[in-house]
């Protein structure tokens, strides 16, 4: 008797098994989000809904055709939904479902694992959302228990507030200038040099990073983040 007949109709979903014919949850996950660009689309939606044009701008190598296909596929499987804003700005937004949002720990661990490779190049471009998620990933949660702070970030046109407390750091979209300390740059790269390269704050400011608020508090905050050691 086939396993689908034993366990009932729930496993007869044609999505599960379309590539691997394997009952493993990891195999099913790859069938759901393993196509090129899929996980990066999920990453960009992790901190809030975006328009189609927003996604194109944040993933410049992604064609409109492939983006349309990936969005339709993830909508069909329940990873995201689309909704319309009411007038006077009737725009269509793509938003992760609760199930889609539950992918964040997996994305974080994949990022941590990949950063352990000597081939990882932190000098490549990084989207604002990707930078903020990297901070959530690379936070030393044990050391972070000694500090409570609201840190604002503006990267290009996007602004966020990281609310550090009790070793956790939720991040949300915010208005520029929110937070007791703040960091701003035209791209993520100068901020990567501060948070992971440990560039001194005065040098970062000379390189174009705007830093707001108490400098000692900013230094303590920056010290909480580090890339993992290389293993490969």
Protein backbone atom coordinates (compact mmCIF):
# COMPACT_ATOMS: atom_id res chain seq x y z
CA UNK A 1 0.00 0.00 0.00
CA UNK A 2 1.33 3.44 -0.85
CA UNK A 3 2.17 5.82 1.99
CA UNK A 4 -0.40 8.36 0.81
CA UNK A 5 -3.09 5.72 1.17
CA UNK A 6 -1.92 4.93 4.69
CA UNK A 7 -1.69 8.50 5.97
CA UNK A 8 -4.74 9.95 4.25
CA UNK A 9 -5.40 12.53 1.54
CA UNK A 10 -3.21 15.28 3.09
CA UNK A 11 -0.12 13.91 1.34
CA UNK A 12 -1.76 13.85 -2.09
CA UNK A 13 -0.94 17.55 -2.60
CA UNK A 14 0.81 17.61 -6.00
CA UNK A 15 3.30 20.23 -4.69
CA UNK A 16 4.80 17.73 -2.26
CA UNK A 17 6.84 15.31 -4.31
CA UNK A 18 6.95 17.32 -7.54
CA UNK A 19 10.78 17.21 -7.60
CA UNK A 20 12.02 14.61 -5.18
CA UNK A 21 9.15 12.20 -4.37
CA UNK A 22 10.50 12.27 -0.82
CA UNK A 23 8.49 12.50 2.42
CA UNK A 24 11.26 14.45 4.19
CA UNK A 25 10.19 17.92 5.37
CA UNK A 26 13.41 19.41 4.01
CA UNK A 27 12.63 18.01 0.57
CA UNK A 28 9.16 19.56 0.75
CA UNK A 29 10.68 22.87 1.84
CA UNK A 30 12.90 22.87 -1.24
CA UNK A 31 9.86 22.22 -3.40
CA UNK A 32 8.13 25.22 -1.80
CA UNK A 33 10.96 27.80 -1.75
CA UNK A 34 13.89 26.14 -3.49
CA UNK A 35 13.49 27.80 -6.87
CA UNK A 36 15.88 30.62 -7.74
CA UNK A 37 14.97 33.97 -6.09
CA UNK A 38 12.18 32.49 -3.95
CA UNK A 39 13.92 32.78 -0.58
CA UNK A 40 15.25 36.24 -1.43
CA UNK A 41 11.69 37.40 -2.13
CA UNK A 42 10.67 35.98 1.25
CA UNK A 43 13.63 37.79 2.84
CA UNK A 44 12.58 41.14 1.40
CA UNK A 45 9.02 40.70 2.69
CA UNK A 46 10.13 39.65 6.18
CA UNK A 47 9.89 43.18 7.64
CA UNK A 48 6.63 44.15 5.99
CA UNK A 49 4.59 44.08 2.77
CA UNK A 50 5.93 45.55 -0.46
CA UNK A 51 4.66 46.43 -3.91
CA UNK A 52 5.77 44.56 -7.02
CA UNK A 53 7.90 47.56 -8.03
CA UNK A 54 9.51 47.64 -4.56
CA UNK A 55 10.57 44.02 -4.92
CA UNK A 56 12.00 44.68 -8.38
CA UNK A 57 14.01 47.62 -7.02
CA UNK A 58 15.39 45.62 -4.08
CA UNK A 59 16.28 42.59 -6.23
CA UNK A 60 17.64 44.27 -9.39
CA UNK A 61 18.77 41.01 -11.00
CA UNK A 62 15.25 39.57 -10.88
CA UNK A 63 13.15 39.89 -14.03
CA UNK A 64 9.50 40.90 -13.92
CA UNK A 65 8.54 37.55 -15.49
CA UNK A 66 10.31 35.44 -12.87
CA UNK A 67 9.06 37.65 -10.03
CA UNK A 68 5.49 37.23 -11.26
CA UNK A 69 5.95 33.45 -11.40
CA UNK A 70 7.49 33.21 -7.92
CA UNK A 71 4.83 35.41 -6.33
CA UNK A 72 2.05 33.38 -7.93
CA UNK A 73 3.63 30.13 -6.79
CA UNK A 74 4.10 31.26 -3.21
CA UNK A 75 0.59 32.68 -3.10
CA UNK A 76 -0.80 29.33 -4.30
CA UNK A 77 1.05 27.46 -1.54
CA UNK A 78 0.03 29.92 1.21
CA UNK A 79 3.43 31.51 1.89
CA UNK A 80 2.20 34.98 0.97
CA UNK A 81 -0.96 36.85 0.15
CA UNK A 82 -1.69 39.91 -1.92
CA UNK A 83 -3.87 42.74 -0.68
CA UNK A 84 -4.93 46.14 -1.97
CA UNK A 85 -4.57 49.45 -0.23
CA UNK A 86 -7.74 51.57 -0.22
CA UNK A 87 -7.98 54.89 -2.13
CA UNK A 88 -6.52 57.44 -2.55
CA UNK A 89 -3.43 55.24 -3.12
CA UNK A 90 -4.85 51.95 -4.43
CA UNK A 91 -1.70 49.83 -4.61
CA UNK A 92 -1.34 46.06 -4.55
CA UNK A 93 0.92 44.74 -1.81
CA UNK A 94 2.49 41.34 -1.26
CA UNK A 95 2.64 40.20 2.36
CA UNK A 96 3.90 37.07 4.08
CA UNK A 97 1.40 34.94 5.95
CA UNK A 98 2.17 33.78 9.49
CA UNK A 99 3.50 30.58 7.92
CA UNK A 100 5.72 32.61 5.60
CA UNK A 101 7.02 34.71 8.49
CA UNK A 102 7.93 31.47 10.28
CA UNK A 103 10.71 31.03 7.69
CA UNK A 104 12.87 33.67 9.40
CA UNK A 105 14.78 31.27 11.72
CA UNK A 106 15.61 29.07 8.72
CA UNK A 107 16.81 32.09 6.72
CA UNK A 108 18.91 33.22 9.68
CA UNK A 109 20.57 29.85 10.13
CA UNK A 110 21.27 29.51 6.40
CA UNK A 111 22.88 32.94 6.47
CA UNK A 112 24.97 32.07 9.54
CA UNK A 113 26.05 28.77 7.97
CA UNK A 114 27.03 30.42 4.66
CA UNK A 115 28.99 33.18 6.44
CA UNK A 116 31.25 30.46 7.87
CA UNK A 117 32.65 29.83 4.38
CA UNK A 118 35.86 31.62 3.31
CA UNK A 119 34.11 32.21 -0.02
CA UNK A 120 31.53 34.49 1.61
CA UNK A 121 32.13 38.03 0.33
CA UNK A 122 30.74 40.69 2.71
CA UNK A 123 31.73 43.43 0.25
CA UNK A 124 28.93 42.57 -2.18
CA UNK A 125 25.77 44.72 -2.24
CA UNK A 126 23.15 44.03 0.42
CA UNK A 127 19.57 45.25 0.59
CA UNK A 128 18.41 47.27 3.62
CA UNK A 129 16.15 44.44 4.79
CA UNK A 130 18.95 41.91 4.36
CA UNK A 131 21.22 44.08 6.50
CA UNK A 132 18.65 44.36 9.28
CA UNK A 133 17.99 40.61 9.23
CA UNK A 134 21.74 40.01 9.39
CA UNK A 135 21.85 42.02 12.63
CA UNK A 136 19.06 39.89 14.07
CA UNK A 137 21.05 36.81 13.02
CA UNK A 138 24.50 37.87 14.26
CA UNK A 139 23.40 39.37 17.58
CA UNK A 140 25.18 37.93 20.63
CA UNK A 141 22.00 37.32 22.58
CA UNK A 142 23.75 36.49 25.83
CA UNK A 143 25.80 39.72 25.83
CA UNK A 144 22.73 41.64 24.64
CA UNK A 145 20.95 40.92 27.93
CA UNK A 146 23.05 43.65 29.54
CA UNK A 147 21.75 46.39 27.24
CA UNK A 148 18.34 47.84 26.45
CA UNK A 149 18.28 50.37 23.62
CA UNK A 150 16.21 51.51 20.67
CA UNK A 151 18.42 51.91 17.61
CA UNK A 152 17.19 53.59 14.45
CA UNK A 153 18.59 52.74 11.04
CA UNK A 154 18.20 54.45 7.68
CA UNK A 155 19.70 52.61 4.73
CA UNK A 156 19.08 54.32 1.39
CA UNK A 157 15.33 55.13 1.48
CA UNK A 158 14.35 52.56 4.12
CA UNK A 159 14.15 53.26 7.85
CA UNK A 160 13.85 50.74 10.67
CA UNK A 161 13.80 50.61 14.45
CA UNK A 162 15.64 47.81 16.28
CA UNK A 163 14.27 47.49 19.82
CA UNK A 164 16.85 45.61 21.88
CA UNK A 165 15.69 44.28 25.23
CA UNK A 166 16.15 41.13 27.34
CA UNK A 167 18.43 39.64 24.70
CA UNK A 168 15.87 39.89 21.88
CA UNK A 169 15.82 42.43 19.08
CA UNK A 170 12.62 42.76 17.07
CA UNK A 171 12.91 45.06 14.06
CA UNK A 172 10.15 47.05 12.42
CA UNK A 173 9.84 49.70 9.77
CA UNK A 174 9.90 53.18 11.26
CA UNK A 175 10.22 56.86 10.51
CA UNK A 176 13.70 58.40 10.12
CA UNK A 177 15.02 59.70 13.41
CA UNK A 178 13.31 57.20 15.72
CA UNK A 179 15.41 55.62 18.46
CA UNK A 180 17.75 56.87 21.17
CA UNK A 181 20.72 56.17 18.90
CA UNK A 182 20.78 56.01 15.13
CA UNK A 183 22.85 54.99 12.13
CA UNK A 184 22.34 56.10 8.53
CA UNK A 185 24.14 55.45 5.25
CA UNK A 186 23.39 55.51 1.54
CA UNK A 187 24.04 51.76 1.25
CA UNK A 188 24.50 48.87 3.63
CA UNK A 189 28.24 48.47 2.97
CA UNK A 190 29.47 51.33 5.21
CA UNK A 191 27.31 49.97 8.02
CA UNK A 192 28.70 46.47 7.52
CA UNK A 193 32.18 47.92 8.09
CA UNK A 194 30.99 49.40 11.38
CA UNK A 195 29.06 46.41 12.75
CA UNK A 196 31.18 43.53 11.46
CA UNK A 197 34.49 45.17 10.52
CA UNK A 198 34.45 47.15 13.82
CA UNK A 199 35.48 50.33 12.07
CA UNK A 200 35.81 53.12 14.69
CA UNK A 201 32.82 55.42 14.73
CA UNK A 202 34.83 58.55 13.92
CA UNK A 203 36.26 56.85 10.84
CA UNK A 204 32.79 55.69 9.79
CA UNK A 205 31.51 59.25 10.07
CA UNK A 206 34.35 60.45 7.87
CA UNK A 207 33.32 57.78 5.35
CA UNK A 208 29.73 59.06 5.23
CA UNK A 209 27.92 57.18 8.00
CA UNK A 210 25.66 59.44 10.08
CA UNK A 211 25.60 58.46 13.76
CA UNK A 212 23.10 59.97 16.16
CA UNK A 213 22.92 59.88 19.95
CA UNK A 214 25.28 58.88 22.73
CA UNK A 215 28.55 57.58 21.28
CA UNK A 216 29.36 55.26 24.20
CA UNK A 217 25.92 53.67 23.91
CA UNK A 218 26.40 53.32 20.15
CA UNK A 219 29.76 51.58 20.69
CA UNK A 220 28.24 49.18 23.21
CA UNK A 221 25.48 48.37 20.75
CA UNK A 222 27.87 47.80 17.83
CA UNK A 223 29.99 45.46 19.99
CA UNK A 224 27.06 43.01 20.23
CA UNK A 225 27.36 41.88 16.61
CA UNK A 226 29.94 39.63 14.95
CA UNK A 227 30.19 37.25 12.02
CA UNK A 228 30.76 33.59 12.92
CA UNK A 229 34.27 32.09 12.61
CA UNK A 230 35.19 30.41 9.35
CA UNK A 231 34.81 26.64 9.36
CA UNK A 232 35.14 25.57 5.73
